[in-house]
C-alpha cells in the first residue's frame, strides 16, 4: 500500500461512476415519464426498468491485458451498468371500462411504476452523482496544489 493512487486512476474511477449514475438517472426519468403509459410499441403497459451495476476495471489497453494476466490488487475498480432489467412486480389494475386500453372485463392495466419510489431513487442517484463530482473536485484541487509546490 506504499503506492498512492495517481490522478488518472482517480478520474477513471470517478468517471465510470458519473457515467453509470447518469445512465441510472435516464432510466429513472423514463420510468417517471411512462408512469401512466398503458400502451407501448411492444404492446401492453410500460414496465418499470432498473439498472444492474457491476464493478469493472478502469484500465485500458496494454495495462488492462497485463493486469488481468498477472493481477494488480492495488488497481481501483470503477462501476458500470451491465444490464437494464424490467421490474417483475405485478402491474396495477383498475376498473375503467370506458378506457380504450381496458380489457374485455373493463380492467385497465397500468405500469408498475411507483412515483414516490422513483423520486427516492432519483434523489439517491443525484446525491451519488454529486458525491462523485466532489471527489473529482478534491482530486483536481490536490493535483493543482501539488503542482504549485513543485514550482
Protein backbone atom coordinates (compact mmCIF):
# COMPACT_ATOMS: atom_id res chain seq x y z
CA UNK A 1 0.00 0.00 0.00
CA UNK A 2 3.02 2.29 -0.31
CA UNK A 3 1.81 3.39 -3.74
CA UNK A 4 -0.59 6.30 -3.90
CA UNK A 5 -3.44 6.46 -6.37
CA UNK A 6 -2.44 8.58 -9.34
CA UNK A 7 -4.82 11.15 -10.75
CA UNK A 8 -5.73 9.28 -13.93
CA UNK A 9 -6.85 6.28 -11.85
CA UNK A 10 -8.91 8.58 -9.63
CA UNK A 11 -10.56 10.22 -12.61
CA UNK A 12 -11.14 6.80 -14.21
CA UNK A 13 -13.00 5.54 -11.16
CA UNK A 14 -14.98 8.74 -10.72
CA UNK A 15 -15.70 8.99 -14.45
CA UNK A 16 -17.13 5.46 -14.55
CA UNK A 17 -19.33 6.25 -11.53
CA UNK A 18 -20.55 9.51 -13.08
CA UNK A 19 -21.41 7.80 -16.35
CA UNK A 20 -23.25 4.98 -14.56
CA UNK A 21 -25.28 7.38 -12.40
CA UNK A 22 -26.13 9.47 -15.49
CA UNK A 23 -27.50 6.34 -17.18
CA UNK A 24 -29.40 5.46 -13.99
CA UNK A 25 -30.92 8.97 -13.95
CA UNK A 26 -32.08 8.48 -17.56
CA UNK A 27 -33.80 5.20 -16.66
CA UNK A 28 -35.50 6.80 -13.65
CA UNK A 29 -36.66 9.71 -15.83
CA UNK A 30 -38.08 7.21 -18.34
CA UNK A 31 -39.92 5.40 -15.53
CA UNK A 32 -41.46 8.66 -14.31
CA UNK A 33 -42.37 9.79 -17.83
CA UNK A 34 -44.15 6.50 -18.50
CA UNK A 35 -45.86 6.06 -15.13
CA UNK A 36 -49.28 6.19 -16.82
CA UNK A 37 -48.40 4.71 -20.24
CA UNK A 38 -50.91 1.96 -20.99
CA UNK A 39 -49.68 1.21 -24.50
CA UNK A 40 -46.10 0.66 -25.65
CA UNK A 41 -44.66 -0.31 -29.04
CA UNK A 42 -44.23 -3.85 -27.66
CA UNK A 43 -47.90 -3.91 -26.67
CA UNK A 44 -49.35 -3.59 -23.21
CA UNK A 45 -48.44 -1.14 -20.47
CA UNK A 46 -44.96 0.17 -19.74
CA UNK A 47 -42.95 -1.93 -17.29
CA UNK A 48 -40.65 -0.24 -14.83
CA UNK A 49 -36.94 -0.64 -15.60
CA UNK A 50 -33.93 -0.68 -13.31
CA UNK A 51 -30.16 -0.88 -13.77
CA UNK A 52 -27.73 -3.56 -12.63
CA UNK A 53 -24.33 -2.26 -11.51
CA UNK A 54 -21.08 -4.22 -11.52
CA UNK A 55 -17.52 -3.30 -10.63
CA UNK A 56 -15.22 -3.01 -13.60
CA UNK A 57 -11.61 -2.26 -14.35
CA UNK A 58 -10.75 1.32 -15.19
CA UNK A 59 -7.68 0.23 -17.12
CA UNK A 60 -7.38 0.32 -20.87
CA UNK A 61 -5.01 -1.01 -23.49
CA UNK A 62 -1.81 -2.89 -22.62
CA UNK A 63 -2.13 -2.16 -18.90
CA UNK A 64 -5.52 -3.88 -18.85
CA UNK A 65 -4.18 -7.02 -20.53
CA UNK A 66 -1.08 -7.09 -18.30
CA UNK A 67 -3.11 -6.55 -15.13
CA UNK A 68 -5.65 -9.25 -15.99
CA UNK A 69 -2.83 -11.72 -16.71
CA UNK A 70 -0.76 -11.02 -13.59
CA UNK A 71 -3.28 -9.42 -11.26
CA UNK A 72 -2.96 -5.99 -9.72
CA UNK A 73 -4.76 -5.94 -6.36
CA UNK A 74 -3.93 -2.26 -5.92
CA UNK A 75 -5.85 -1.35 -9.06
CA UNK A 76 -9.06 0.51 -8.22
CA UNK A 77 -12.27 -0.70 -9.73
CA UNK A 78 -14.86 1.51 -11.31
CA UNK A 79 -18.50 0.74 -11.90
CA UNK A 80 -20.53 0.06 -14.99
CA UNK A 81 -24.08 -0.89 -15.85
CA UNK A 82 -24.21 -4.48 -17.06
CA UNK A 83 -27.93 -4.74 -17.70
CA UNK A 84 -31.21 -2.88 -17.71
CA UNK A 85 -33.93 -5.15 -16.37
CA UNK A 86 -37.71 -4.97 -16.25
CA UNK A 87 -39.26 -4.95 -12.80
CA UNK A 88 -41.19 -8.19 -12.32
CA UNK A 89 -43.68 -6.80 -9.82
CA UNK A 90 -47.30 -7.04 -10.97
CA UNK A 91 -48.95 -4.25 -12.92
CA UNK A 92 -51.53 -2.04 -11.25
CA UNK A 93 -55.10 -2.85 -12.25
CA UNK A 94 -58.08 -0.51 -12.04
CA UNK A 95 -61.65 -0.87 -13.24
CA UNK A 96 -62.13 1.62 -16.09
CA UNK A 97 -64.45 0.06 -18.69
CA UNK A 98 -64.56 3.20 -20.89
CA UNK A 99 -60.79 3.41 -21.38
CA UNK A 100 -59.69 2.32 -24.89
CA UNK A 101 -56.96 0.06 -23.43
CA UNK A 102 -59.25 -1.72 -20.94
CA UNK A 103 -59.54 -5.49 -21.32
CA UNK A 104 -62.82 -7.30 -22.12
CA UNK A 105 -63.79 -7.23 -18.41
CA UNK A 106 -63.26 -3.45 -18.18
CA UNK A 107 -59.97 -3.58 -16.26
CA UNK A 108 -57.14 -1.26 -17.21
CA UNK A 109 -53.59 -2.46 -16.59
CA UNK A 110 -51.27 0.36 -15.57
CA UNK A 111 -47.45 0.39 -15.28
CA UNK A 112 -45.84 -0.95 -12.12
CA UNK A 113 -44.16 2.42 -11.56
CA UNK A 114 -44.47 3.95 -8.09
CA UNK A 115 -43.70 7.69 -8.47
CA UNK A 116 -42.67 8.01 -4.81
CA UNK A 117 -40.18 5.14 -5.15
CA UNK A 118 -38.84 6.71 -8.35
CA UNK A 119 -38.40 10.09 -6.65
CA UNK A 120 -36.41 8.41 -3.85
CA UNK A 121 -34.28 6.66 -6.48
CA UNK A 122 -33.85 9.98 -8.26
CA UNK A 123 -32.64 11.66 -5.08
CA UNK A 124 -30.26 8.77 -4.37
CA UNK A 125 -28.77 8.85 -7.88
CA UNK A 126 -28.45 12.63 -7.76
CA UNK A 127 -26.63 12.50 -4.42
CA UNK A 128 -24.29 9.77 -5.69
CA UNK A 129 -23.57 11.90 -8.76
CA UNK A 130 -22.89 14.96 -6.60
CA UNK A 131 -20.61 12.96 -4.28
CA UNK A 132 -18.55 11.81 -7.25
CA UNK A 133 -18.30 15.38 -8.54
CA UNK A 134 -16.99 16.39 -5.09
CA UNK A 135 -14.37 13.62 -5.22
CA UNK A 136 -13.30 14.81 -8.67
CA UNK A 137 -13.07 18.42 -7.49
CA UNK A 138 -11.00 17.35 -4.47
CA UNK A 139 -8.65 15.37 -6.71
CA UNK A 140 -8.30 18.33 -9.04
CA UNK A 141 -7.57 20.68 -6.13
CA UNK A 142 -4.97 18.32 -4.65
CA UNK A 143 -3.28 17.95 -8.03
CA UNK A 144 -3.13 21.71 -8.54
CA UNK A 145 -1.66 22.19 -5.05
CA UNK A 146 0.95 19.51 -5.72
CA UNK A 147 1.90 21.28 -8.96
CA UNK A 148 2.17 24.60 -7.11
CA UNK A 149 4.51 23.01 -4.54
CA UNK A 150 6.70 21.76 -7.37
CA UNK A 151 7.35 25.28 -8.69
